[in-house]
Structures are given as C-alpha cells and as structure tokens.
C-alpha atoms as a PDB file:
ATOM      1  CA  MET A   1     -12.663  43.349  15.113  1.00  0.00           C
ATOM      2  CA  SER A   2     -12.040  41.908  18.544  1.00  0.00           C
ATOM      3  CA  GLU A   3      -8.897  42.398  20.554  1.00  0.00           C
ATOM      4  CA  VAL A   4      -6.002  40.003  20.104  1.00  0.00           C
ATOM      5  CA  GLY A   5      -5.680  38.415  23.514  1.00  0.00           C
ATOM      6  CA  LEU A   6      -3.666  35.706  25.212  1.00  0.00           C
ATOM      7  CA  TRP A   7      -5.661  32.828  23.694  1.00  0.00           C
ATOM      8  CA  SER A   8      -5.276  34.281  20.218  1.00  0.00           C
ATOM      9  CA  LEU A   9      -1.525  34.425  20.780  1.00  0.00           C
ATOM     10  CA  ILE A  10      -1.404  30.840  22.066  1.00  0.00           C
ATOM     11  CA  ARG A  11      -3.449  29.600  19.104  1.00  0.00           C
ATOM     12  CA  PHE A  12      -1.220  31.615  16.741  1.00  0.00           C
ATOM     13  CA  VAL A  13       1.924  29.966  18.152  1.00  0.00           C
ATOM     14  CA  HIS A  14       0.276  26.551  17.761  1.00  0.00           C
ATOM     15  CA  VAL A  15      -0.784  27.205  14.154  1.00  0.00           C
ATOM     16  CA  ALA A  16       2.569  28.805  13.255  1.00  0.00           C
ATOM     17  CA  GLY A  17       4.406  25.792  14.699  1.00  0.00           C
ATOM     18  CA  ALA A  18       2.289  23.431  12.609  1.00  0.00           C
ATOM     19  CA  ALA A  19       2.905  25.572   9.530  1.00  0.00           C
ATOM     20  CA  LEU A  20       6.663  25.494  10.147  1.00  0.00           C
ATOM     21  CA  TRP A  21       6.646  21.717  10.670  1.00  0.00           C
ATOM     22  CA  VAL A  22       4.588  20.843   7.592  1.00  0.00           C
ATOM     23  CA  GLY A  23       6.091  23.681   5.558  1.00  0.00           C
ATOM     24  CA  GLY A  24       9.564  22.478   6.471  1.00  0.00           C
ATOM     25  CA  GLN A  25       8.718  18.971   5.329  1.00  0.00           C
ATOM     26  CA  LEU A  26       7.341  20.304   2.054  1.00  0.00           C
ATOM     27  CA  VAL A  27      10.360  22.571   1.442  1.00  0.00           C
ATOM     28  CA  LEU A  28      12.789  19.723   2.122  1.00  0.00           C
ATOM     29  CA  THR A  29      10.827  17.346  -0.124  1.00  0.00           C
ATOM     30  CA  LEU A  30       9.941  19.658  -2.992  1.00  0.00           C
ATOM     31  CA  VAL A  31      12.853  22.131  -3.045  1.00  0.00           C
ATOM     32  CA  VAL A  32      15.950  21.107  -1.095  1.00  0.00           C
ATOM     33  CA  LEU A  33      16.205  17.411  -1.983  1.00  0.00           C
ATOM     34  CA  PRO A  34      15.632  17.816  -5.735  1.00  0.00           C
ATOM     35  CA  LEU A  35      18.261  20.572  -5.855  1.00  0.00           C
ATOM     36  CA  ALA A  36      20.693  18.602  -3.703  1.00  0.00           C
ATOM     37  CA  ARG A  37      20.390  15.618  -6.044  1.00  0.00           C
ATOM     38  CA  ARG A  38      21.728  17.862  -8.830  1.00  0.00           C
ATOM     39  CA  LEU A  39      24.899  18.802  -6.956  1.00  0.00           C
ATOM     40  CA  PRO A  40      27.816  17.860  -9.219  1.00  0.00           C
ATOM     41  CA  ALA A  41      29.972  16.472  -6.421  1.00  0.00           C
ATOM     42  CA  PRO A  42      28.482  13.301  -4.887  1.00  0.00           C
ATOM     43  CA  GLU A  43      30.465  13.820  -1.667  1.00  0.00           C
ATOM     44  CA  ALA A  44      28.870  17.264  -1.229  1.00  0.00           C
ATOM     45  CA  ARG A  45      25.401  15.790  -1.765  1.00  0.00           C
ATOM     46  CA  ASP A  46      26.134  12.908   0.591  1.00  0.00           C
ATOM     47  CA  ARG A  47      27.088  15.400   3.330  1.00  0.00           C
ATOM     48  CA  PHE A  48      24.430  18.046   2.672  1.00  0.00           C
ATOM     49  CA  VAL A  49      21.262  15.944   2.609  1.00  0.00           C
ATOM     50  CA  PRO A  50      21.826  14.137   5.929  1.00  0.00           C
ATOM     51  CA  GLU A  51      22.938  17.391   7.569  1.00  0.00           C
ATOM     52  CA  ALA A  52      19.757  19.163   6.420  1.00  0.00           C
ATOM     53  CA  GLY A  53      17.705  16.284   7.816  1.00  0.00           C
ATOM     54  CA  ARG A  54      19.560  16.298  11.139  1.00  0.00           C
ATOM     55  CA  ARG A  55      19.099  20.053  11.499  1.00  0.00           C
ATOM     56  CA  PHE A  56      15.371  19.806  10.785  1.00  0.00           C
ATOM     57  CA  ALA A  57      15.082  16.939  13.291  1.00  0.00           C
ATOM     58  CA  MET A  58      16.977  18.956  15.915  1.00  0.00           C
ATOM     59  CA  LEU A  59      14.702  21.961  15.438  1.00  0.00           C
ATOM     60  CA  THR A  60      11.684  19.674  15.607  1.00  0.00           C
ATOM     61  CA  GLY A  61      12.775  18.189  18.926  1.00  0.00           C
ATOM     62  CA  ALA A  62      14.012  21.424  20.475  1.00  0.00           C
ATOM     63  CA  VAL A  63      11.390  23.890  19.206  1.00  0.00           C
ATOM     64  CA  PHE A  64       8.448  22.374  17.358  1.00  0.00           C
ATOM     65  CA  LEU A  65       7.463  19.543  19.686  1.00  0.00           C
ATOM     66  CA  PRO A  66       7.665  21.532  22.936  1.00  0.00           C
ATOM     67  CA  LEU A  67       5.696  24.427  21.408  1.00  0.00           C
ATOM     68  CA  GLN A  68       3.035  22.156  19.919  1.00  0.00           C
ATOM     69  CA  LEU A  69       2.623  20.115  23.069  1.00  0.00           C
ATOM     70  CA  GLY A  70       2.629  23.139  25.364  1.00  0.00           C
ATOM     71  CA  THR A  71       0.220  25.257  23.351  1.00  0.00           C
ATOM     72  CA  GLY A  72      -1.967  22.246  22.584  1.00  0.00           C
ATOM     73  CA  LEU A  73      -2.295  21.385  26.269  1.00  0.00           C
ATOM     74  CA  LEU A  74      -3.057  25.003  27.130  1.00  0.00           C
ATOM     75  CA  MET A  75      -5.762  25.210  24.476  1.00  0.00           C
ATOM     76  CA  ALA A  76      -7.269  21.866  25.499  1.00  0.00           C
ATOM     77  CA  GLY A  77      -7.406  22.997  29.115  1.00  0.00           C
ATOM     78  CA  HIS A  78      -8.973  26.293  28.096  1.00  0.00           C
ATOM     79  CA  LYS A  79     -11.576  24.453  26.020  1.00  0.00           C
ATOM     80  CA  GLY A  80     -12.319  22.114  28.965  1.00  0.00           C
ATOM     81  CA  VAL A  81     -11.122  18.952  27.229  1.00  0.00           C
ATOM     82  CA  THR A  82     -10.930  15.900  29.487  1.00  0.00           C
ATOM     83  CA  TRP A  83      -9.892  12.331  28.763  1.00  0.00           C
ATOM     84  CA  ALA A  84     -13.579  11.386  28.771  1.00  0.00           C
ATOM     85  CA  SER A  85     -14.520  14.181  26.350  1.00  0.00           C
ATOM     86  CA  LEU A  86     -12.127  12.755  23.744  1.00  0.00           C
ATOM     87  CA  ALA A  87     -14.609   9.910  23.239  1.00  0.00           C
ATOM     88  CA  GLU A  88     -17.590  12.226  22.739  1.00  0.00           C
ATOM     89  CA  PRO A  89     -18.899  12.944  19.231  1.00  0.00           C
ATOM     90  CA  GLY A  90     -17.853  16.187  17.599  1.00  0.00           C
ATOM     91  CA  TYR A  91     -14.953  18.205  18.968  1.00  0.00           C
ATOM     92  CA  GLY A  92     -13.706  15.492  21.339  1.00  0.00           C
ATOM     93  CA  ARG A  93     -13.454  12.692  18.793  1.00  0.00           C
ATOM     94  CA  LEU A  94     -12.038  14.969  16.130  1.00  0.00           C
ATOM     95  CA  LEU A  95      -9.339  16.135  18.542  1.00  0.00           C
ATOM     96  CA  ALA A  96      -8.663  12.519  19.588  1.00  0.00           C
ATOM     97  CA  VAL A  97      -8.162  11.472  15.952  1.00  0.00           C
ATOM     98  CA  LYS A  98      -5.888  14.481  15.376  1.00  0.00           C
ATOM     99  CA  LEU A  99      -3.805  13.585  18.445  1.00  0.00           C
ATOM    100  CA  LEU A 100      -3.601   9.930  17.420  1.00  0.00           C
ATOM    101  CA  LEU A 101      -2.501  10.858  13.903  1.00  0.00           C
ATOM    102  CA  PHE A 102       0.017  13.365  15.308  1.00  0.00           C
ATOM    103  CA  THR A 103       1.488  10.569  17.473  1.00  0.00           C
ATOM    104  CA  VAL A 104       1.700   8.251  14.458  1.00  0.00           C
ATOM    105  CA  VAL A 105       3.377  11.006  12.412  1.00  0.00           C
ATOM    106  CA  MET A 106       5.995  11.585  15.108  1.00  0.00           C
ATOM    107  CA  GLY A 107       6.674   7.829  15.166  1.00  0.00           C
ATOM    108  CA  LEU A 108       7.016   7.757  11.380  1.00  0.00           C
ATOM    109  CA  ALA A 109       9.396  10.726  11.488  1.00  0.00           C
ATOM    110  CA  ALA A 110      11.501   9.028  14.160  1.00  0.00           C
ATOM    111  CA  GLY A 111      11.503   5.835  12.100  1.00  0.00           C
ATOM    112  CA  HIS A 112      12.640   7.833   9.070  1.00  0.00           C
ATOM    113  CA  GLY A 113      15.613   9.159  11.025  1.00  0.00           C
ATOM    114  CA  ALA A 114      16.489   5.695  12.318  1.00  0.00           C
ATOM    115  CA  ALA A 115      16.218   4.107   8.858  1.00  0.00           C
ATOM    116  CA  HIS A 116      18.385   6.830   7.375  1.00  0.00           C
ATOM    117  CA  ALA A 117      20.998   6.410  10.118  1.00  0.00           C
ATOM    118  CA  ARG A 118      21.072   2.643   9.455  1.00  0.00           C
ATOM    119  CA  GLY A 119      21.687   3.158   5.744  1.00  0.00           C
ATOM    120  CA  ARG A 120      18.224   2.041   4.591  1.00  0.00           C
ATOM    121  CA  PRO A 121      17.340   4.778   2.079  1.00  0.00           C
ATOM    122  CA  GLU A 122      14.250   3.095   0.595  1.00  0.00           C
ATOM    123  CA  THR A 123      12.698   2.549   4.027  1.00  0.00           C
ATOM    124  CA  ALA A 124      13.669   6.098   5.033  1.00  0.00           C
ATOM    125  CA  ARG A 125      12.018   7.511   1.899  1.00  0.00           C
ATOM    126  CA  LEU A 126       8.820   5.513   2.471  1.00  0.00           C
ATOM    127  CA  LEU A 127       8.631   6.688   6.092  1.00  0.00           C
ATOM    128  CA  ALA A 128       9.289  10.299   5.049  1.00  0.00           C
ATOM    129  CA  VAL A 129       6.435  10.222   2.526  1.00  0.00           C
ATOM    130  CA  ALA A 130       4.128   8.594   5.103  1.00  0.00           C
ATOM    131  CA  SER A 131       5.111  11.212   7.699  1.00  0.00           C
ATOM    132  CA  LEU A 132       4.466  14.092   5.305  1.00  0.00           C
ATOM    133  CA  THR A 133       1.116  12.633   4.242  1.00  0.00           C
ATOM    134  CA  GLY A 134       0.134  12.143   7.878  1.00  0.00           C
ATOM    135  CA  SER A 135       1.243  15.691   8.720  1.00  0.00           C
ATOM    136  CA  LEU A 136      -1.064  17.049   6.047  1.00  0.00           C
ATOM    137  CA  GLY A 137      -3.843  14.953   7.596  1.00  0.00           C
ATOM    138  CA  VAL A 138      -3.131  16.475  11.017  1.00  0.00           C
ATOM    139  CA  VAL A 139      -3.423  19.964   9.535  1.00  0.00           C
ATOM    140  CA  LEU A 140      -6.696  19.021   7.806  1.00  0.00           C
ATOM    141  CA  LEU A 141      -8.129  17.732  11.101  1.00  0.00           C
ATOM    142  CA  ALA A 142      -6.899  20.838  12.925  1.00  0.00           C
ATOM    143  CA  ALA A 143      -8.625  23.047  10.372  1.00  0.00           C
ATOM    144  CA  ALA A 144     -11.876  21.152  11.009  1.00  0.00           C
ATOM    145  CA  LEU A 145     -11.756  21.880  14.768  1.00  0.00           C
ATOM    146  CA  PRO A 146     -13.854  24.890  15.713  1.00  0.00           C
ATOM    147  CA  ALA A 147     -11.926  27.913  16.985  1.00  0.00           C
ATOM    148  CA  THR A 148     -12.270  28.623  20.681  1.00  0.00           C
END
C-alpha cells in the first residue's frame, strides 16, 4: 500500500465534502422532513423545518462550497487542467460536464432557498428534488473521473 500523501488528503477532503453535501440532502429529504411532518404541534413543525434548511444552507456556504472549490482547484491544477483541456475528449470533457452540473445544482439550491423564503412551497419542493437529483449526478460524474 502506498503512503497517504498531500494529494490523497486533498482528494479525501473533496470526496468527504461531496459526501456531506449529498448525504445531508438525503438525510433532510428521507429522514428529517418526514419526521418533522409528524410533529403534533404545527407551530413547532413550521419553525423546525425552515431552521433546519437555513442551518444546512449556512453550512453549505461557509464550509462545503469553500472546501469543494478550493480542493477542486488544487486537484485540477495538480492534474494540469486548463480551460482548453476542458473541451478535450475524456477527462477534460467529463470534468467540464461535472462542473457545469455542479453550477446548475448550486443555482437550483439557491432557487430553493429563495422560493421557500417567498412562501412558494411547491416551487421550493420542485427545486429541492431537482437539486438533489443533480447532486447525485455530480457524484456519478466524479466517480467516473480517473484518480490522480
């Protein structure tokens, strides 16, 4: 087994951040929200669900995004990725699609927060499902990228 070096640590932080982001979305969707809907007091539910969403959004902006962007840029630089290489078949195009989908997912997540804040629950729910689906797509594309 080879030594765990700096690049292994950077890749680990990147993968762990993605796992926390997508895992957090799945836990909120599949565990927290269904349980919160069963709370007997509607006022408790109406306070808890938005607060859970705000906390997840805060952690995303303060921790997840900076870690993903920082480690992603470091790994791309280490791999020798250039703007031009993103158009090349193989690794470059796959990474470009992953980055494009990641950008779309972040936009969908932001739209979800805005729709929720404006009292548009159906739109917020649709955007949340689209964001989660896109996040799973990002992870699938990331898994297809060869390790460096």
